[in-house]
Amino acid sequence: MPMKSNILRYDWQPDEVLTLFHLPFADLLYRAQTVHRQHFDANDLQLATLLSIKTGRCSEDCAYCPQSIRHGSEVEEHALLPLDQVVAAARQAQQDGAGRFCMGAAWRSPRARDIQALLAMVEAVRALGMETCLTAGMLNAEQARQLRAAGLDYYNHNIDTSAEYYPEIISTRTFQDRLDTLQVVRDSGLKVCSGGIVGMGETEQDRAAMLQTLAGLQPHPESVPINRLVRVAGTPLEGADDVDGLALVRTIAVARILMPASRIRLSAGREDMEDELQALCFLAGANAVFYGDHLLTTANASVQRDRVLFTKLGLKTHHHLQSQDTTHIAKAV
């Protein structure tokens, strides 16, 4: 294993983060790659598959999301999937090589009657030997406790962007609501998955502030997804300008430097990326991807294309459930 010589910091200042963004490109990638190799095998890539277990009719107004009931997107809605369908999808993802199975439900927050179904899904997927992740909106402390007791490994709740730009993207919940949910998740003993999106009209300063917020969480999120906006017809951001690919690479590199021991996940937007851009993202410190032909409601790079790319780059993608303390896993009540 690489020597973990870097001391984790939680006190990055805005000027320090912007200075990283403004480094010459080669210097930034060298620094990010150096940090990466101190904490990870540089050729190790974690594969996670994402399934929408409940789609559409969300009461939130996130400007990027086609699942909002407030937008005119043509998304195929469906209620919470039955357990056997979720397990079948997880089993297929596992056969395709994914080590983590992420379940997404389009809710502002889950209701009491939804929790029992979610607990059953978590237990069943965990029983396959896969890591489990769930994103289902805001949680209260009891819901988080129940999910952890059922064996959930990670809870995803992205902060999306900077606190300053956030009101331009979402009005139905506050930035502080996001942070409060992350604290509830952390207090329950669950691992945290939280990141953001580039390409929503934000500035480089907003990207720096978003990463500074994430790097200020103690401990850092174990998983940090960096998404490139997928523009969907009917959403307020359908006409957003393309984000420069190198700006995405810079964002990943800075995330790697600020959060050395976290998995940085190259997430939405890979379908339209050239292989060379993805390779730069991996060189910058991304060491996880969403794997499978679909994300929640949008397309993803195909499994076959990914297999060819990973082989060309010499990336190792065989992952199994990490050994961990399982004494907390008990039948949820």
C-alpha atoms as a PDB file:
ATOM      1  CA  MET A   1       0.000   0.000   0.000  1.00  0.00           C
ATOM      2  CA  PRO A   2       1.181   3.567  -0.672  1.00  0.00           C
ATOM      3  CA  MET A   3       2.497   5.498   2.305  1.00  0.00           C
ATOM      4  CA  LYS A   4      -0.138   7.910   3.611  1.00  0.00           C
ATOM      5  CA  SER A   5       2.185  10.743   4.488  1.00  0.00           C
ATOM      6  CA  ASN A   6      -0.170  13.649   3.905  1.00  0.00           C
ATOM      7  CA  ILE A   7      -1.806  15.156   6.962  1.00  0.00           C
ATOM      8  CA  LEU A   8      -5.514  15.736   6.340  1.00  0.00           C
ATOM      9  CA  ARG A   9      -6.549  19.361   6.631  1.00  0.00           C
ATOM     10  CA  TYR A  10      -9.962  20.840   7.374  1.00  0.00           C
ATOM     11  CA  ASP A  11      -8.956  24.512   7.448  1.00  0.00           C
ATOM     12  CA  TRP A  12      -8.369  25.356   3.782  1.00  0.00           C
ATOM     13  CA  GLN A  13      -8.900  29.063   3.130  1.00  0.00           C
ATOM     14  CA  PRO A  14     -10.614  30.530   0.023  1.00  0.00           C
ATOM     15  CA  ASP A  15      -7.421  32.101  -1.308  1.00  0.00           C
ATOM     16  CA  GLU A  16      -5.526  28.826  -0.904  1.00  0.00           C
ATOM     17  CA  VAL A  17      -8.121  26.882  -2.884  1.00  0.00           C
ATOM     18  CA  LEU A  18      -8.248  29.483  -5.665  1.00  0.00           C
ATOM     19  CA  THR A  19      -4.455  29.430  -5.819  1.00  0.00           C
ATOM     20  CA  LEU A  20      -4.646  25.709  -6.545  1.00  0.00           C
ATOM     21  CA  PHE A  21      -7.166  26.326  -9.338  1.00  0.00           C
ATOM     22  CA  HIS A  22      -4.799  28.898 -10.860  1.00  0.00           C
ATOM     23  CA  LEU A  23      -1.693  26.705 -10.893  1.00  0.00           C
ATOM     24  CA  PRO A  24      -0.226  25.888 -14.310  1.00  0.00           C
ATOM     25  CA  PHE A  25      -2.046  22.788 -15.527  1.00  0.00           C
ATOM     26  CA  ALA A  26       0.989  20.490 -15.417  1.00  0.00           C
ATOM     27  CA  ASP A  27       1.906  21.649 -11.912  1.00  0.00           C
ATOM     28  CA  LEU A  28      -1.638  21.105 -10.648  1.00  0.00           C
ATOM     29  CA  LEU A  29      -1.835  17.583 -12.069  1.00  0.00           C
ATOM     30  CA  TYR A  30       1.619  16.714 -10.710  1.00  0.00           C
ATOM     31  CA  ARG A  31       0.598  17.821  -7.232  1.00  0.00           C
ATOM     32  CA  ALA A  32      -2.739  15.995  -7.424  1.00  0.00           C
ATOM     33  CA  GLN A  33      -1.108  12.820  -8.725  1.00  0.00           C
ATOM     34  CA  THR A  34       1.515  12.964  -5.974  1.00  0.00           C
ATOM     35  CA  VAL A  35      -1.180  13.215  -3.302  1.00  0.00           C
ATOM     36  CA  HIS A  36      -3.204  10.488  -4.987  1.00  0.00           C
ATOM     37  CA  ARG A  37      -0.310   8.042  -4.938  1.00  0.00           C
ATOM     38  CA  GLN A  38       0.297   8.700  -1.254  1.00  0.00           C
ATOM     39  CA  HIS A  39      -3.164   7.360  -0.425  1.00  0.00           C
ATOM     40  CA  PHE A  40      -4.207   5.021  -3.236  1.00  0.00           C
ATOM     41  CA  ASP A  41      -2.958   2.669  -5.884  1.00  0.00           C
ATOM     42  CA  ALA A  42      -2.933   5.058  -8.849  1.00  0.00           C
ATOM     43  CA  ASN A  43      -4.328   2.362 -11.163  1.00  0.00           C
ATOM     44  CA  ASP A  44      -7.191   1.301  -8.899  1.00  0.00           C
ATOM     45  CA  LEU A  45     -10.708   2.281  -9.990  1.00  0.00           C
ATOM     46  CA  GLN A  46     -13.867   1.668  -7.994  1.00  0.00           C
ATOM     47  CA  LEU A  47     -17.008   0.827  -9.980  1.00  0.00           C
ATOM     48  CA  ALA A  48     -20.416   1.810  -8.621  1.00  0.00           C
ATOM     49  CA  THR A  49     -23.750   1.228 -10.338  1.00  0.00           C
ATOM     50  CA  LEU A  50     -26.681   3.592  -9.799  1.00  0.00           C
ATOM     51  CA  LEU A  51     -30.356   2.613  -9.978  1.00  0.00           C
ATOM     52  CA  SER A  52     -33.360   4.913  -9.726  1.00  0.00           C
ATOM     53  CA  ILE A  53     -35.636   3.061  -7.319  1.00  0.00           C
ATOM     54  CA  LYS A  54     -38.299   5.797  -7.417  1.00  0.00           C
ATOM     55  CA  THR A  55     -38.454   8.204 -10.347  1.00  0.00           C
ATOM     56  CA  GLY A  56     -40.153  11.567 -10.888  1.00  0.00           C
ATOM     57  CA  ARG A  57     -42.765  13.704  -9.137  1.00  0.00           C
ATOM     58  CA  CYS A  58     -40.235  15.239  -6.772  1.00  0.00           C
ATOM     59  CA  SER A  59     -41.444  18.392  -5.030  1.00  0.00           C
ATOM     60  CA  GLU A  60     -38.029  20.068  -5.164  1.00  0.00           C
ATOM     61  CA  ASP A  61     -37.120  22.556  -7.908  1.00  0.00           C
ATOM     62  CA  CYS A  62     -33.436  21.716  -8.550  1.00  0.00           C
ATOM     63  CA  ALA A  63     -32.744  23.475 -11.852  1.00  0.00           C
ATOM     64  CA  TYR A  64     -30.676  20.605 -13.255  1.00  0.00           C
ATOM     65  CA  CYS A  65     -33.085  17.779 -12.429  1.00  0.00           C
ATOM     66  CA  PRO A  66     -35.679  16.320 -14.819  1.00  0.00           C
ATOM     67  CA  GLN A  67     -37.458  14.596 -11.916  1.00  0.00           C
ATOM     68  CA  SER A  68     -38.910  17.799 -10.485  1.00  0.00           C
ATOM     69  CA  ILE A  69     -42.674  18.083 -10.731  1.00  0.00           C
ATOM     70  CA  ARG A  70     -42.117  21.809 -11.312  1.00  0.00           C
ATOM     71  CA  HIS A  71     -40.319  21.318 -14.644  1.00  0.00           C
ATOM     72  CA  GLY A  72     -41.569  20.240 -18.050  1.00  0.00           C
ATOM     73  CA  SER A  73     -39.198  17.331 -18.519  1.00  0.00           C
ATOM     74  CA  GLU A  74     -40.477  14.163 -20.110  1.00  0.00           C
ATOM     75  CA  VAL A  75     -39.224  11.631 -17.604  1.00  0.00           C
ATOM     76  CA  GLU A  76     -40.807   8.209 -17.226  1.00  0.00           C
ATOM     77  CA  GLU A  77     -42.176   8.231 -13.702  1.00  0.00           C
ATOM     78  CA  HIS A  78     -42.426   5.164 -11.517  1.00  0.00           C
ATOM     79  CA  ALA A  79     -43.227   4.502  -7.894  1.00  0.00           C
ATOM     80  CA  LEU A  80     -40.847   2.709  -5.554  1.00  0.00           C
ATOM     81  CA  LEU A  81     -39.619  -0.436  -7.289  1.00  0.00           C
ATOM     82  CA  PRO A  82     -40.444  -3.849  -5.821  1.00  0.00           C
ATOM     83  CA  LEU A  83     -37.680  -5.520  -3.852  1.00  0.00           C
ATOM     84  CA  ASP A  84     -37.085  -8.358  -6.312  1.00  0.00           C
ATOM     85  CA  GLN A  85     -36.499  -5.922  -9.172  1.00  0.00           C
ATOM     86  CA  VAL A  86     -33.927  -3.988  -7.145  1.00  0.00           C
ATOM     87  CA  VAL A  87     -32.109  -7.162  -6.125  1.00  0.00           C
ATOM     88  CA  ALA A  88     -32.067  -8.404  -9.722  1.00  0.00           C
ATOM     89  CA  ALA A  89     -30.524  -5.110 -10.852  1.00  0.00           C
ATOM     90  CA  ALA A  90     -27.927  -5.297  -8.081  1.00  0.00           C
ATOM     91  CA  ARG A  91     -27.043  -8.859  -8.974  1.00  0.00           C
ATOM     92  CA  GLN A  92     -26.581  -7.877 -12.634  1.00  0.00           C
ATOM     93  CA  ALA A  93     -24.403  -4.916 -11.634  1.00  0.00           C
ATOM     94  CA  GLN A  94     -22.285  -7.239  -9.527  1.00  0.00           C
ATOM     95  CA  GLN A  95     -21.892  -9.667 -12.422  1.00  0.00           C
ATOM     96  CA  ASP A  96     -20.805  -6.748 -14.630  1.00  0.00           C
ATOM     97  CA  GLY A  97     -18.066  -5.903 -12.133  1.00  0.00           C
ATOM     98  CA  ALA A  98     -19.522  -3.230  -9.857  1.00  0.00           C
ATOM     99  CA  GLY A  99     -18.581  -3.401  -6.190  1.00  0.00           C
ATOM    100  CA  ARG A 100     -20.981  -0.753  -4.919  1.00  0.00           C
ATOM    101  CA  PHE A 101     -24.714  -0.462  -5.624  1.00  0.00           C
ATOM    102  CA  CYS A 102     -26.293   2.960  -5.238  1.00  0.00           C
ATOM    103  CA  MET A 103     -30.055   3.426  -4.980  1.00  0.00           C
ATOM    104  CA  GLY A 104     -31.692   6.780  -5.707  1.00  0.00           C
ATOM    105  CA  ALA A 105     -35.224   7.870  -4.812  1.00  0.00           C
ATOM    106  CA  ALA A 106     -36.659  11.199  -5.971  1.00  0.00           C
ATOM    107  CA  TRP A 107     -38.027  12.490  -2.695  1.00  0.00           C
ATOM    108  CA  ARG A 108     -37.634  15.653  -0.669  1.00  0.00           C
ATOM    109  CA  SER A 109     -37.390  13.241   2.242  1.00  0.00           C
ATOM    110  CA  PRO A 110     -38.638   9.675   2.758  1.00  0.00           C
ATOM    111  CA  ARG A 111     -41.876   9.145   4.638  1.00  0.00           C
ATOM    112  CA  ALA A 112     -42.211   6.712   7.508  1.00  0.00           C
ATOM    113  CA  ARG A 113     -43.943   4.122   5.325  1.00  0.00           C
ATOM    114  CA  ASP A 114     -41.119   4.301   2.770  1.00  0.00           C
ATOM    115  CA  ILE A 115     -38.382   3.515   5.257  1.00  0.00           C
ATOM    116  CA  GLN A 116     -39.346  -0.125   5.758  1.00  0.00           C
ATOM    117  CA  ALA A 117     -39.077  -0.779   2.024  1.00  0.00           C
ATOM    118  CA  LEU A 118     -35.689   0.967   1.904  1.00  0.00           C
ATOM    119  CA  LEU A 119     -34.410  -1.104   4.823  1.00  0.00           C
ATOM    120  CA  ALA A 120     -35.373  -4.306   3.030  1.00  0.00           C
ATOM    121  CA  MET A 121     -33.542  -3.165  -0.117  1.00  0.00           C
ATOM    122  CA  VAL A 122     -30.398  -2.292   1.814  1.00  0.00           C
ATOM    123  CA  GLU A 123     -30.371  -5.627   3.638  1.00  0.00           C
ATOM    124  CA  ALA A 124     -30.925  -7.605   0.435  1.00  0.00           C
ATOM    125  CA  VAL A 125     -28.223  -5.826  -1.574  1.00  0.00           C
ATOM    126  CA  ARG A 126     -25.775  -6.015   1.322  1.00  0.00           C
ATOM    127  CA  ALA A 127     -26.436  -9.764   1.500  1.00  0.00           C
ATOM    128  CA  LEU A 128     -25.056 -10.071  -2.060  1.00  0.00           C
ATOM    129  CA  GLY A 129     -21.680  -8.893  -0.781  1.00  0.00           C
ATOM    130  CA  MET A 130     -21.877  -5.414  -2.312  1.00  0.00           C
ATOM    131  CA  GLU A 131     -21.317  -2.047  -0.693  1.00  0.00           C
ATOM    132  CA  THR A 132     -24.570  -0.120  -0.441  1.00  0.00           C
ATOM    133  CA  CYS A 133     -25.324   3.543  -0.988  1.00  0.00           C
ATOM    134  CA  LEU A 134     -28.638   5.383  -0.857  1.00  0.00           C
ATOM    135  CA  THR A 135     -29.787   8.860  -1.820  1.00  0.00           C
ATOM    136  CA  ALA A 136     -33.354   9.748  -0.852  1.00  0.00           C
ATOM    137  CA  GLY A 137     -33.335  13.398   0.201  1.00  0.00           C
ATOM    138  CA  MET A 138     -33.230  14.784   3.700  1.00  0.00           C
ATOM    139  CA  LEU A 139     -33.079  12.346   6.620  1.00  0.00           C
ATOM    140  CA  ASN A 140     -33.853  12.679  10.288  1.00  0.00           C
ATOM    141  CA  ALA A 141     -31.727  11.053  12.979  1.00  0.00           C
ATOM    142  CA  GLU A 142     -34.001   8.045  13.469  1.00  0.00           C
ATOM    143  CA  GLN A 143     -34.136   7.277   9.743  1.00  0.00           C
ATOM    144  CA  ALA A 144     -30.358   7.448   9.513  1.00  0.00           C
ATOM    145  CA  ARG A 145     -30.011   5.157  12.531  1.00  0.00           C
ATOM    146  CA  GLN A 146     -32.381   2.596  11.018  1.00  0.00           C
ATOM    147  CA  LEU A 147     -30.557   2.605   7.694  1.00  0.00           C
ATOM    148  CA  ARG A 148     -27.211   2.067   9.376  1.00  0.00           C
ATOM    149  CA  ALA A 149     -28.620  -0.766  11.451  1.00  0.00           C
ATOM    150  CA  ALA A 150     -29.858  -2.396   8.236  1.00  0.00           C
ATOM    151  CA  GLY A 151     -26.318  -2.370   6.872  1.00  0.00           C
ATOM    152  CA  LEU A 152     -26.221   0.761   4.714  1.00  0.00           C
ATOM    153  CA  ASP A 153     -22.626   1.781   4.052  1.00  0.00           C
ATOM    154  CA  TYR A 154     -22.950   5.224   2.448  1.00  0.00           C
ATOM    155  CA  TYR A 155     -25.560   7.952   2.212  1.00  0.00           C
ATOM    156  CA  ASN A 156     -25.316  10.373  -0.701  1.00  0.00           C
ATOM    157  CA  HIS A 157     -26.414  13.973  -0.315  1.00  0.00           C
ATOM    158  CA  ASN A 158     -24.663  16.411  -2.646  1.00  0.00           C
ATOM    159  CA  ILE A 159     -24.208  20.076  -1.804  1.00  0.00           C
ATOM    160  CA  ASP A 160     -24.260  20.762  -5.578  1.00  0.00           C
ATOM    161  CA  THR A 161     -22.434  24.113  -5.631  1.00  0.00           C
ATOM    162  CA  SER A 162     -21.241  26.975  -3.437  1.00  0.00           C
ATOM    163  CA  ALA A 163     -23.412  28.440  -0.695  1.00  0.00           C
ATOM    164  CA  GLU A 164     -23.450  31.734  -2.629  1.00  0.00           C
ATOM    165  CA  TYR A 165     -24.610  30.263  -5.946  1.00  0.00           C
ATOM    166  CA  TYR A 166     -26.949  27.690  -4.434  1.00  0.00           C
ATOM    167  CA  PRO A 167     -30.074  29.956  -4.428  1.00  0.00           C
ATOM    168  CA  GLU A 168     -29.715  30.287  -8.213  1.00  0.00           C
ATOM    169  CA  ILE A 169     -30.149  26.514  -8.537  1.00  0.00           C
ATOM    170  CA  ILE A 170     -32.589  25.498  -5.784  1.00  0.00           C
ATOM    171  CA  SER A 171     -35.197  27.434  -3.808  1.00  0.00           C
ATOM    172  CA  THR A 172     -37.137  24.644  -2.080  1.00  0.00           C
ATOM    173  CA  ARG A 173     -34.452  23.864   0.488  1.00  0.00           C
ATOM    174  CA  THR A 174     -31.480  25.800   1.780  1.00  0.00           C
ATOM    175  CA  PHE A 175     -27.781  25.119   1.622  1.00  0.00           C
ATOM    176  CA  GLN A 176     -27.862  24.748   5.392  1.00  0.00           C
ATOM    177  CA  ASP A 177     -30.529  22.031   5.009  1.00  0.00           C
ATOM    178  CA  ARG A 178     -27.981  20.103   2.955  1.00  0.00           C
ATOM    179  CA  LEU A 179     -25.299  20.492   5.597  1.00  0.00           C
ATOM    180  CA  ASP A 180     -27.716  19.539   8.368  1.00  0.00           C
ATOM    181  CA  THR A 181     -28.582  16.272   6.602  1.00  0.00           C
ATOM    182  CA  LEU A 182     -24.887  15.495   6.140  1.00  0.00           C
ATOM    183  CA  GLN A 183     -24.379  16.009   9.867  1.00  0.00           C
ATOM    184  CA  VAL A 184     -27.285  13.686  10.690  1.00  0.00           C
ATOM    185  CA  VAL A 185     -25.778  11.064   8.383  1.00  0.00           C
ATOM    186  CA  ARG A 186     -22.335  11.411   9.958  1.00  0.00           C
ATOM    187  CA  ASP A 187     -23.701  11.341  13.507  1.00  0.00           C
ATOM    188  CA  SER A 188     -25.457   8.036  12.759  1.00  0.00           C
ATOM    189  CA  GLY A 189     -22.169   6.373  11.856  1.00  0.00           C
ATOM    190  CA  LEU A 190     -22.902   6.163   8.130  1.00  0.00           C
ATOM    191  CA  LYS A 191     -20.196   7.063   5.636  1.00  0.00           C
ATOM    192  CA  VAL A 192     -20.786  10.242   3.658  1.00  0.00           C
ATOM    193  CA  CYS A 193     -20.983  10.606  -0.114  1.00  0.00           C
ATOM    194  CA  SER A 194     -21.237  14.264  -1.116  1.00  0.00           C
ATOM    195  CA  GLY A 195     -20.069  16.307  -4.082  1.00  0.00           C
ATOM    196  CA  GLY A 196     -21.366  18.698  -6.679  1.00  0.00           C
ATOM    197  CA  ILE A 197     -21.950  19.657 -10.285  1.00  0.00           C
ATOM    198  CA  VAL A 198     -19.887  21.743 -12.679  1.00  0.00           C
ATOM    199  CA  GLY A 199     -21.413  23.482 -15.679  1.00  0.00           C
ATOM    200  CA  MET A 200     -24.489  25.117 -14.111  1.00  0.00           C
ATOM    201  CA  GLY A 201     -23.312  28.663 -14.839  1.00  0.00           C
ATOM    202  CA  GLU A 202     -21.223  28.884 -11.687  1.00  0.00           C
ATOM    203  CA  THR A 203     -17.840  30.615 -11.570  1.00  0.00           C
ATOM    204  CA  GLU A 204     -14.489  29.088 -10.765  1.00  0.00           C
ATOM    205  CA  GLN A 205     -14.778  30.805  -7.401  1.00  0.00           C
ATOM    206  CA  ASP A 206     -18.035  28.908  -6.811  1.00  0.00           C
ATOM    207  CA  ARG A 207     -16.312  25.617  -7.601  1.00  0.00           C
ATOM    208  CA  ALA A 208     -13.528  26.502  -5.204  1.00  0.00           C
ATOM    209  CA  ALA A 209     -16.027  27.418  -2.476  1.00  0.00           C
ATOM    210  CA  MET A 210     -17.938  24.165  -2.995  1.00  0.00           C
ATOM    211  CA  LEU A 211     -14.773  22.106  -2.564  1.00  0.00           C
ATOM    212  CA  GLN A 212     -13.695  24.195   0.420  1.00  0.00           C
ATOM    213  CA  THR A 213     -17.034  23.429   2.108  1.00  0.00           C
ATOM    214  CA  LEU A 214     -16.632  19.694   1.496  1.00  0.00           C
ATOM    215  CA  ALA A 215     -13.024  19.753   2.688  1.00  0.00           C
ATOM    216  CA  GLY A 216     -14.146  21.525   5.860  1.00  0.00           C
ATOM    217  CA  LEU A 217     -16.328  18.605   6.898  1.00  0.00           C
ATOM    218  CA  GLN A 218     -14.715  16.513   9.641  1.00  0.00           C
ATOM    219  CA  PRO A 219     -14.030  13.875   8.599  1.00  0.00           C
ATOM    220  CA  HIS A 220     -13.999  14.478   4.858  1.00  0.00           C
ATOM    221  CA  PRO A 221     -16.693  12.702   2.844  1.00  0.00           C
ATOM    222  CA  GLU A 222     -15.399   9.229   2.061  1.00  0.00           C
ATOM    223  CA  SER A 223     -16.835   9.584  -1.444  1.00  0.00           C
ATOM    224  CA  VAL A 224     -16.923  12.824  -3.491  1.00  0.00           C
ATOM    225  CA  PRO A 225     -18.844  12.653  -6.792  1.00  0.00           C
ATOM    226  CA  ILE A 226     -17.965  15.364  -9.301  1.00  0.00           C
ATOM    227  CA  ASN A 227     -20.691  15.635 -11.940  1.00  0.00           C
ATOM    228  CA  ARG A 228     -20.560  17.405 -15.284  1.00  0.00           C
ATOM    229  CA  LEU A 229     -23.994  18.859 -15.984  1.00  0.00           C
ATOM    230  CA  VAL A 230     -26.137  16.739 -18.281  1.00  0.00           C
ATOM    231  CA  ARG A 231     -28.513  19.203 -19.918  1.00  0.00           C
ATOM    232  CA  VAL A 232     -32.034  17.807 -20.073  1.00  0.00           C
ATOM    233  CA  ALA A 233     -34.853  19.316 -22.112  1.00  0.00           C
ATOM    234  CA  GLY A 234     -37.539  20.880 -19.943  1.00  0.00           C
ATOM    235  CA  THR A 235     -35.204  21.822 -17.104  1.00  0.00           C
ATOM    236  CA  PRO A 236     -34.167  25.438 -16.451  1.00  0.00           C
ATOM    237  CA  LEU A 237     -30.571  24.531 -17.311  1.00  0.00           C
ATOM    238  CA  GLU A 238     -31.287  22.879 -20.657  1.00  0.00           C
ATOM    239  CA  GLY A 239     -29.608  25.816 -22.420  1.00  0.00           C
ATOM    240  CA  ALA A 240     -26.567  26.078 -20.165  1.00  0.00           C
ATOM    241  CA  ASP A 241     -23.238  26.629 -21.871  1.00  0.00           C
ATOM    242  CA  ASP A 242     -20.837  23.730 -22.195  1.00  0.00           C
ATOM    243  CA  VAL A 243     -18.308  23.615 -19.397  1.00  0.00           C
ATOM    244  CA  ASP A 244     -14.703  23.448 -20.528  1.00  0.00           C
ATOM    245  CA  GLY A 245     -13.305  19.948 -20.113  1.00  0.00           C
ATOM    246  CA  LEU A 246     -10.092  21.214 -18.567  1.00  0.00           C
ATOM    247  CA  ALA A 247     -12.129  23.100 -15.962  1.00  0.00           C
ATOM    248  CA  LEU A 248     -13.602  19.743 -14.967  1.00  0.00           C
ATOM    249  CA  VAL A 249     -10.118  18.238 -14.720  1.00  0.00           C
ATOM    250  CA  ARG A 250      -8.961  21.152 -12.564  1.00  0.00           C
ATOM    251  CA  THR A 251     -11.955  20.678 -10.255  1.00  0.00           C
ATOM    252  CA  ILE A 252     -11.124  16.993  -9.799  1.00  0.00           C
ATOM    253  CA  ALA A 253      -7.447  17.742  -9.198  1.00  0.00           C
ATOM    254  CA  VAL A 254      -8.224  20.333  -6.525  1.00  0.00           C
ATOM    255  CA  ALA A 255     -10.718  17.963  -4.901  1.00  0.00           C
ATOM    256  CA  ARG A 256      -7.982  15.316  -4.750  1.00  0.00           C
ATOM    257  CA  ILE A 257      -5.530  17.722  -3.112  1.00  0.00           C
ATOM    258  CA  LEU A 258      -8.052  18.978  -0.558  1.00  0.00           C
ATOM    259  CA  MET A 259      -9.433  15.522   0.300  1.00  0.00           C
ATOM    260  CA  PRO A 260      -6.494  13.135  -0.210  1.00  0.00           C
ATOM    261  CA  ALA A 261      -8.055  10.003   1.301  1.00  0.00           C
ATOM    262  CA  SER A 262     -11.490  10.331  -0.315  1.00  0.00           C
ATOM    263  CA  ARG A 263     -12.726   8.467  -3.360  1.00  0.00           C
ATOM    264  CA  ILE A 264     -13.222  11.140  -6.037  1.00  0.00           C
ATOM    265  CA  ARG A 265     -15.921   9.863  -8.388  1.00  0.00           C
ATOM    266  CA  LEU A 266     -16.143  10.981 -12.005  1.00  0.00           C
ATOM    267  CA  SER A 267     -19.913  10.856 -12.176  1.00  0.00           C
ATOM    268  CA  ALA A 268     -22.602  12.236 -14.508  1.00  0.00           C
ATOM    269  CA  GLY A 269     -21.603  13.460 -17.932  1.00  0.00           C
ATOM    270  CA  ARG A 270     -19.193  10.693 -18.935  1.00  0.00           C
ATOM    271  CA  GLU A 271     -21.308   9.574 -21.898  1.00  0.00           C
ATOM    272  CA  ASP A 272     -20.240  12.613 -23.920  1.00  0.00           C
ATOM    273  CA  MET A 273     -16.610  12.682 -22.793  1.00  0.00           C
ATOM    274  CA  GLU A 274     -13.826  11.653 -25.101  1.00  0.00           C
ATOM    275  CA  ASP A 275     -11.525   8.946 -23.783  1.00  0.00           C
ATOM    276  CA  GLU A 276      -8.710  11.468 -23.545  1.00  0.00           C
ATOM    277  CA  LEU A 277     -10.723  13.737 -21.219  1.00  0.00           C
ATOM    278  CA  GLN A 278     -11.619  10.816 -18.980  1.00  0.00           C
ATOM    279  CA  ALA A 279      -7.960   9.773 -18.900  1.00  0.00           C
ATOM    280  CA  LEU A 280      -7.016  13.275 -17.728  1.00  0.00           C
ATOM    281  CA  CYS A 281      -9.662  13.065 -15.006  1.00  0.00           C
ATOM    282  CA  PHE A 282      -8.153   9.804 -13.752  1.00  0.00           C
ATOM    283  CA  LEU A 283      -4.682  11.335 -13.922  1.00  0.00           C
ATOM    284  CA  ALA A 284      -6.004  14.249 -11.835  1.00  0.00           C
ATOM    285  CA  GLY A 285      -7.077  11.888  -9.080  1.00  0.00           C
ATOM    286  CA  ALA A 286     -10.513  10.505  -9.944  1.00  0.00           C
ATOM    287  CA  ASN A 287     -10.553   6.888  -8.790  1.00  0.00           C
ATOM    288  CA  ALA A 288     -14.209   5.902  -9.000  1.00  0.00           C
ATOM    289  CA  VAL A 289     -16.937   6.051 -11.652  1.00  0.00           C
ATOM    290  CA  PHE A 290     -20.595   5.318 -12.041  1.00  0.00           C
ATOM    291  CA  TYR A 291     -20.661   2.169 -14.148  1.00  0.00           C
ATOM    292  CA  GLY A 292     -23.565   0.933 -16.229  1.00  0.00           C
ATOM    293  CA  ASP A 293     -25.554   2.108 -19.218  1.00  0.00           C
ATOM    294  CA  HIS A 294     -27.817   4.443 -17.199  1.00  0.00           C
ATOM    295  CA  LEU A 295     -27.654   6.785 -14.228  1.00  0.00           C
ATOM    296  CA  LEU A 296     -30.899   7.872 -12.556  1.00  0.00           C
ATOM    297  CA  THR A 297     -32.697   9.188 -15.649  1.00  0.00           C
ATOM    298  CA  THR A 298     -29.891   9.939 -18.096  1.00  0.00           C
ATOM    299  CA  ALA A 299     -27.582   7.787 -20.181  1.00  0.00           C
ATOM    300  CA  ASN A 300     -24.096   6.806 -19.094  1.00  0.00           C
ATOM    301  CA  ALA A 301     -21.073   5.492 -20.955  1.00  0.00           C
ATOM    302  CA  SER A 302     -21.801   1.917 -21.998  1.00  0.00           C
ATOM    303  CA  VAL A 303     -20.330  -0.990 -20.079  1.00  0.00           C
ATOM    304  CA  GLN A 304     -18.580  -2.247 -23.206  1.00  0.00           C
ATOM    305  CA  ARG A 305     -17.013   1.139 -23.947  1.00  0.00           C
ATOM    306  CA  ASP A 306     -15.864   1.421 -20.338  1.00  0.00           C
ATOM    307  CA  ARG A 307     -14.279  -2.011 -20.382  1.00  0.00           C
ATOM    308  CA  VAL A 308     -12.275  -1.094 -23.467  1.00  0.00           C
ATOM    309  CA  LEU A 309     -11.190   2.236 -21.964  1.00  0.00           C
ATOM    310  CA  PHE A 310     -10.199   0.772 -18.606  1.00  0.00           C
ATOM    311  CA  THR A 311      -8.164  -1.907 -20.349  1.00  0.00           C
ATOM    312  CA  LYS A 312      -6.368   0.663 -22.508  1.00  0.00           C
ATOM    313  CA  LEU A 313      -5.511   2.689 -19.404  1.00  0.00           C
ATOM    314  CA  GLY A 314      -4.473  -0.352 -17.364  1.00  0.00           C
ATOM    315  CA  LEU A 315      -6.991   0.394 -14.624  1.00  0.00           C
ATOM    316  CA  LYS A 316      -7.811  -2.358 -12.136  1.00  0.00           C
ATOM    317  CA  THR A 317     -11.508  -2.562 -11.399  1.00  0.00           C
ATOM    318  CA  HIS A 318     -12.068  -5.701  -9.309  1.00  0.00           C
ATOM    319  CA  HIS A 319     -13.742  -4.704  -6.063  1.00  0.00           C
ATOM    320  CA  HIS A 320     -15.417  -6.694  -3.358  1.00  0.00           C
ATOM    321  CA  LEU A 321     -17.119  -5.683  -0.139  1.00  0.00           C
ATOM    322  CA  GLN A 322     -14.462  -4.154   2.050  1.00  0.00           C
ATOM    323  CA  SER A 323     -13.886  -5.814   5.373  1.00  0.00           C
ATOM    324  CA  GLN A 324     -15.306  -3.611   8.107  1.00  0.00           C
ATOM    325  CA  ASP A 325     -16.776  -3.702  11.538  1.00  0.00           C
ATOM    326  CA  THR A 326     -20.201  -5.247  11.110  1.00  0.00           C
ATOM    327  CA  THR A 327     -21.154  -5.349  14.756  1.00  0.00           C
ATOM    328  CA  HIS A 328     -23.598  -2.503  14.194  1.00  0.00           C
ATOM    329  CA  ILE A 329     -25.590  -4.453  11.617  1.00  0.00           C
ATOM    330  CA  ALA A 330     -28.744  -5.686  13.253  1.00  0.00           C
ATOM    331  CA  LYS A 331     -32.334  -6.073  12.238  1.00  0.00           C
ATOM    332  CA  ALA A 332     -33.777  -2.565  12.063  1.00  0.00           C
ATOM    333  CA  VAL A 333     -36.834  -1.866  14.174  1.00  0.00           C
END
